[in-house]
Amino acid sequence: MNRPKNRKELLNHINQVSFAVDEVKLYLDTHPCDAEALAYFREFSRERNLALKEYARIYGPLTVDTAEDTCTDRWNWINEPWPWQEGGC
């Protein structure tokens, strides 16, 4: 998948792949043996994690899972603009 170039596009991409992951998780709750759905989950989960890490690297973390990669010297992610500030969303 091609990665979005700017902050707004990257947030939009994260929202899209997050939605796909959440929906397929619900499906897998009732269809745990669906190999195609599991592959879809793995693909979009990997894409979501990559996008979250990319966002954290460039703009600061959106989730606590990606905070450790960008806040190694101090807890500075609170100082970054929130996604809804400065036209982030």
N, C-alpha and C. Protein backbone atom coordinates (compact mmCIF):
# COMPACT_ATOMS: atom_id res chain seq x y z
N MET A 1 0.83 -1.18 0.00
CA MET A 1 0.00 0.00 0.00
C MET A 1 0.87 1.25 0.00
N ASN A 2 0.47 2.23 -0.76
CA ASN A 2 1.20 3.49 -0.77
C ASN A 2 0.87 4.29 0.47
N ARG A 3 1.90 4.84 1.09
CA ARG A 3 1.71 5.62 2.30
C ARG A 3 1.30 7.05 1.94
N PRO A 4 0.36 7.61 2.69
CA PRO A 4 -0.01 9.02 2.49
C PRO A 4 1.18 9.92 2.80
N LYS A 5 1.16 11.10 2.23
CA LYS A 5 2.31 12.00 2.35
C LYS A 5 2.19 13.01 3.48
N ASN A 6 1.01 13.56 3.74
CA ASN A 6 0.92 14.59 4.76
C ASN A 6 0.17 14.09 5.99
N ARG A 7 0.14 14.93 7.01
CA ARG A 7 -0.45 14.56 8.30
C ARG A 7 -1.92 14.15 8.17
N LYS A 8 -2.69 14.95 7.47
CA LYS A 8 -4.12 14.67 7.32
C LYS A 8 -4.34 13.36 6.58
N GLU A 9 -3.60 13.14 5.51
CA GLU A 9 -3.73 11.89 4.74
C GLU A 9 -3.32 10.69 5.58
N LEU A 10 -2.26 10.85 6.37
CA LEU A 10 -1.79 9.74 7.20
C LEU A 10 -2.82 9.42 8.29
N LEU A 11 -3.41 10.44 8.92
CA LEU A 11 -4.47 10.20 9.91
C LEU A 11 -5.67 9.52 9.27
N ASN A 12 -6.03 9.95 8.09
CA ASN A 12 -7.14 9.33 7.37
C ASN A 12 -6.84 7.86 7.07
N HIS A 13 -5.64 7.59 6.66
CA HIS A 13 -5.20 6.21 6.38
C HIS A 13 -5.27 5.36 7.66
N ILE A 14 -4.79 5.91 8.77
CA ILE A 14 -4.84 5.20 10.04
C ILE A 14 -6.28 4.90 10.43
N ASN A 15 -7.17 5.86 10.24
CA ASN A 15 -8.59 5.63 10.54
C ASN A 15 -9.17 4.53 9.67
N GLN A 16 -8.81 4.51 8.40
CA GLN A 16 -9.35 3.50 7.48
C GLN A 16 -8.88 2.10 7.84
N VAL A 17 -7.58 1.94 8.06
CA VAL A 17 -7.08 0.59 8.38
C VAL A 17 -7.51 0.17 9.78
N SER A 18 -7.66 1.12 10.70
CA SER A 18 -8.15 0.80 12.03
C SER A 18 -9.58 0.30 11.97
N PHE A 19 -10.40 0.94 11.14
CA PHE A 19 -11.78 0.50 10.96
C PHE A 19 -11.81 -0.93 10.41
N ALA A 20 -10.98 -1.19 9.41
CA ALA A 20 -10.94 -2.53 8.81
C ALA A 20 -10.53 -3.58 9.86
N VAL A 21 -9.54 -3.25 10.68
CA VAL A 21 -9.08 -4.18 11.72
C VAL A 21 -10.19 -4.42 12.74
N ASP A 22 -10.85 -3.37 13.18
CA ASP A 22 -11.92 -3.52 14.17
C ASP A 22 -13.08 -4.35 13.63
N GLU A 23 -13.46 -4.12 12.39
CA GLU A 23 -14.57 -4.86 11.80
C GLU A 23 -14.26 -6.34 11.64
N VAL A 24 -13.06 -6.64 11.16
CA VAL A 24 -12.71 -8.05 10.95
C VAL A 24 -12.51 -8.76 12.30
N LYS A 25 -12.09 -8.02 13.33
CA LYS A 25 -12.00 -8.63 14.67
C LYS A 25 -13.39 -9.09 15.13
N LEU A 26 -14.39 -8.26 14.91
CA LEU A 26 -15.76 -8.64 15.29
C LEU A 26 -16.22 -9.87 14.51
N TYR A 27 -15.91 -9.90 13.22
CA TYR A 27 -16.27 -11.05 12.40
C TYR A 27 -15.58 -12.31 12.89
N LEU A 28 -14.30 -12.19 13.23
CA LEU A 28 -13.54 -13.35 13.68
C LEU A 28 -14.02 -13.88 15.03
N ASP A 29 -14.68 -13.04 15.81
CA ASP A 29 -15.26 -13.52 17.07
C ASP A 29 -16.29 -14.62 16.82
N THR A 30 -17.00 -14.53 15.70
CA THR A 30 -18.03 -15.53 15.40
C THR A 30 -17.62 -16.51 14.30
N HIS A 31 -16.51 -16.23 13.63
CA HIS A 31 -16.01 -17.10 12.56
C HIS A 31 -14.49 -17.32 12.73
N PRO A 32 -14.07 -17.91 13.84
CA PRO A 32 -12.64 -18.00 14.15
C PRO A 32 -11.83 -18.88 13.20
N CYS A 33 -12.49 -19.70 12.42
CA CYS A 33 -11.76 -20.60 11.52
C CYS A 33 -11.69 -20.08 10.08
N ASP A 34 -12.13 -18.88 9.84
CA ASP A 34 -12.12 -18.31 8.49
C ASP A 34 -10.70 -17.84 8.17
N ALA A 35 -9.98 -18.65 7.42
CA ALA A 35 -8.58 -18.37 7.10
C ALA A 35 -8.41 -17.09 6.29
N GLU A 36 -9.34 -16.82 5.39
CA GLU A 36 -9.27 -15.61 4.58
C GLU A 36 -9.44 -14.36 5.46
N ALA A 37 -10.36 -14.41 6.40
CA ALA A 37 -10.57 -13.28 7.31
C ALA A 37 -9.36 -13.09 8.22
N LEU A 38 -8.76 -14.18 8.66
CA LEU A 38 -7.58 -14.09 9.50
C LEU A 38 -6.41 -13.47 8.73
N ALA A 39 -6.24 -13.84 7.48
CA ALA A 39 -5.20 -13.24 6.65
C ALA A 39 -5.45 -11.75 6.45
N TYR A 40 -6.72 -11.39 6.23
CA TYR A 40 -7.11 -9.99 6.08
C TYR A 40 -6.78 -9.23 7.36
N PHE A 41 -7.11 -9.81 8.52
CA PHE A 41 -6.80 -9.20 9.81
C PHE A 41 -5.30 -8.97 9.95
N ARG A 42 -4.51 -9.98 9.65
CA ARG A 42 -3.05 -9.85 9.79
C ARG A 42 -2.50 -8.76 8.87
N GLU A 43 -2.98 -8.73 7.63
CA GLU A 43 -2.51 -7.72 6.67
C GLU A 43 -2.83 -6.31 7.14
N PHE A 44 -4.07 -6.06 7.54
CA PHE A 44 -4.47 -4.72 7.93
C PHE A 44 -3.94 -4.34 9.31
N SER A 45 -3.77 -5.31 10.18
CA SER A 45 -3.17 -5.04 11.48
C SER A 45 -1.71 -4.61 11.30
N ARG A 46 -1.00 -5.30 10.43
CA ARG A 46 0.39 -4.94 10.14
C ARG A 46 0.44 -3.54 9.53
N GLU A 47 -0.44 -3.26 8.58
CA GLU A 47 -0.49 -1.94 7.93
C GLU A 47 -0.80 -0.85 8.95
N ARG A 48 -1.73 -1.13 9.86
CA ARG A 48 -2.08 -0.16 10.91
C ARG A 48 -0.88 0.13 11.80
N ASN A 49 -0.19 -0.92 12.23
CA ASN A 49 0.98 -0.73 13.09
C ASN A 49 2.07 0.08 12.39
N LEU A 50 2.30 -0.21 11.12
CA LEU A 50 3.29 0.56 10.36
C LEU A 50 2.89 2.03 10.26
N ALA A 51 1.63 2.28 9.98
CA ALA A 51 1.14 3.66 9.85
C ALA A 51 1.24 4.40 11.19
N LEU A 52 0.89 3.73 12.28
CA LEU A 52 0.99 4.36 13.61
C LEU A 52 2.44 4.68 13.95
N LYS A 53 3.35 3.78 13.62
CA LYS A 53 4.77 4.04 13.87
C LYS A 53 5.29 5.17 13.01
N GLU A 54 4.85 5.20 11.76
CA GLU A 54 5.26 6.30 10.87
C GLU A 54 4.75 7.63 11.40
N TYR A 55 3.49 7.66 11.80
CA TYR A 55 2.92 8.90 12.34
C TYR A 55 3.70 9.33 13.58
N ALA A 56 3.98 8.39 14.48
CA ALA A 56 4.72 8.70 15.71
C ALA A 56 6.11 9.24 15.39
N ARG A 57 6.74 8.65 14.42
CA ARG A 57 8.10 9.08 14.04
C ARG A 57 8.09 10.52 13.54
N ILE A 58 7.09 10.89 12.76
CA ILE A 58 7.04 12.21 12.13
C ILE A 58 6.37 13.25 13.01
N TYR A 59 5.22 12.90 13.62
CA TYR A 59 4.39 13.89 14.30
C TYR A 59 4.24 13.68 15.80
N GLY A 60 4.69 12.54 16.30
CA GLY A 60 4.47 12.20 17.70
C GLY A 60 3.43 11.11 17.80
N PRO A 61 3.41 10.37 18.90
CA PRO A 61 2.53 9.20 19.02
C PRO A 61 1.05 9.55 19.13
N LEU A 62 0.23 8.71 18.53
CA LEU A 62 -1.23 8.79 18.68
C LEU A 62 -1.72 7.86 19.77
N THR A 63 -0.98 6.80 19.98
CA THR A 63 -1.36 5.81 20.99
C THR A 63 -0.19 5.58 21.93
N VAL A 64 -0.49 5.06 23.09
CA VAL A 64 0.56 4.81 24.07
C VAL A 64 1.54 3.73 23.55
N ASP A 65 1.07 2.84 22.69
CA ASP A 65 1.96 1.79 22.15
C ASP A 65 3.11 2.37 21.36
N THR A 66 2.90 3.50 20.72
CA THR A 66 3.97 4.09 19.90
C THR A 66 4.71 5.20 20.65
N ALA A 67 4.33 5.47 21.89
CA ALA A 67 4.98 6.53 22.66
C ALA A 67 6.42 6.17 23.01
N GLU A 68 6.68 4.90 23.27
CA GLU A 68 8.03 4.54 23.70
C GLU A 68 9.07 4.76 22.60
N ASP A 69 8.67 4.65 21.35
CA ASP A 69 9.61 4.86 20.24
C ASP A 69 10.01 6.33 20.10
N THR A 70 9.14 7.26 20.49
CA THR A 70 9.43 8.67 20.28
C THR A 70 9.69 9.44 21.56
N CYS A 71 9.54 8.81 22.72
CA CYS A 71 9.69 9.50 24.00
C CYS A 71 10.73 8.82 24.87
N THR A 72 11.88 8.51 24.30
CA THR A 72 12.87 7.76 25.05
C THR A 72 13.57 8.60 26.11
N ASP A 73 13.72 9.91 25.88
CA ASP A 73 14.44 10.74 26.85
C ASP A 73 13.52 11.37 27.88
N ARG A 74 12.26 11.60 27.54
CA ARG A 74 11.29 12.16 28.47
C ARG A 74 9.90 11.96 27.90
N TRP A 75 8.91 12.16 28.72
CA TRP A 75 7.51 12.00 28.31
C TRP A 75 7.08 13.29 27.62
N ASN A 76 7.43 13.44 26.34
CA ASN A 76 7.21 14.70 25.65
C ASN A 76 6.05 14.69 24.66
N TRP A 77 5.38 13.59 24.51
CA TRP A 77 4.33 13.53 23.50
C TRP A 77 3.16 14.43 23.83
N ILE A 78 2.99 14.79 25.08
CA ILE A 78 1.91 15.70 25.48
C ILE A 78 2.14 17.10 24.92
N ASN A 79 3.38 17.42 24.59
CA ASN A 79 3.72 18.76 24.07
C ASN A 79 3.46 18.92 22.59
N GLU A 80 3.23 17.82 21.90
CA GLU A 80 2.97 17.87 20.46
C GLU A 80 1.53 18.33 20.22
N PRO A 81 1.26 18.90 19.04
CA PRO A 81 -0.14 19.27 18.75
C PRO A 81 -1.02 18.01 18.70
N TRP A 82 -2.23 18.12 19.22
CA TRP A 82 -3.19 17.02 19.17
C TRP A 82 -3.68 16.89 17.74
N PRO A 83 -4.11 15.71 17.34
CA PRO A 83 -4.54 15.50 15.95
C PRO A 83 -5.59 16.49 15.48
N TRP A 84 -6.45 16.97 16.37
CA TRP A 84 -7.51 17.89 15.96
C TRP A 84 -7.08 19.34 15.99
N GLN A 85 -5.84 19.62 16.42
CA GLN A 85 -5.33 20.98 16.44
C GLN A 85 -4.58 21.28 15.14
N GLU A 86 -4.46 22.52 14.82
CA GLU A 86 -3.68 22.99 13.67
C GLU A 86 -4.03 22.26 12.39
N GLY A 87 -5.31 22.00 12.20
CA GLY A 87 -5.74 21.33 10.99
C GLY A 87 -5.31 19.88 10.88
N GLY A 88 -4.99 19.25 12.01
CA GLY A 88 -4.51 17.87 12.00
C GLY A 88 -5.49 16.88 11.42
N CYS A 89 -6.77 17.06 11.69
CA CYS A 89 -7.77 16.10 11.19
C CYS A 89 -8.42 16.61 9.93
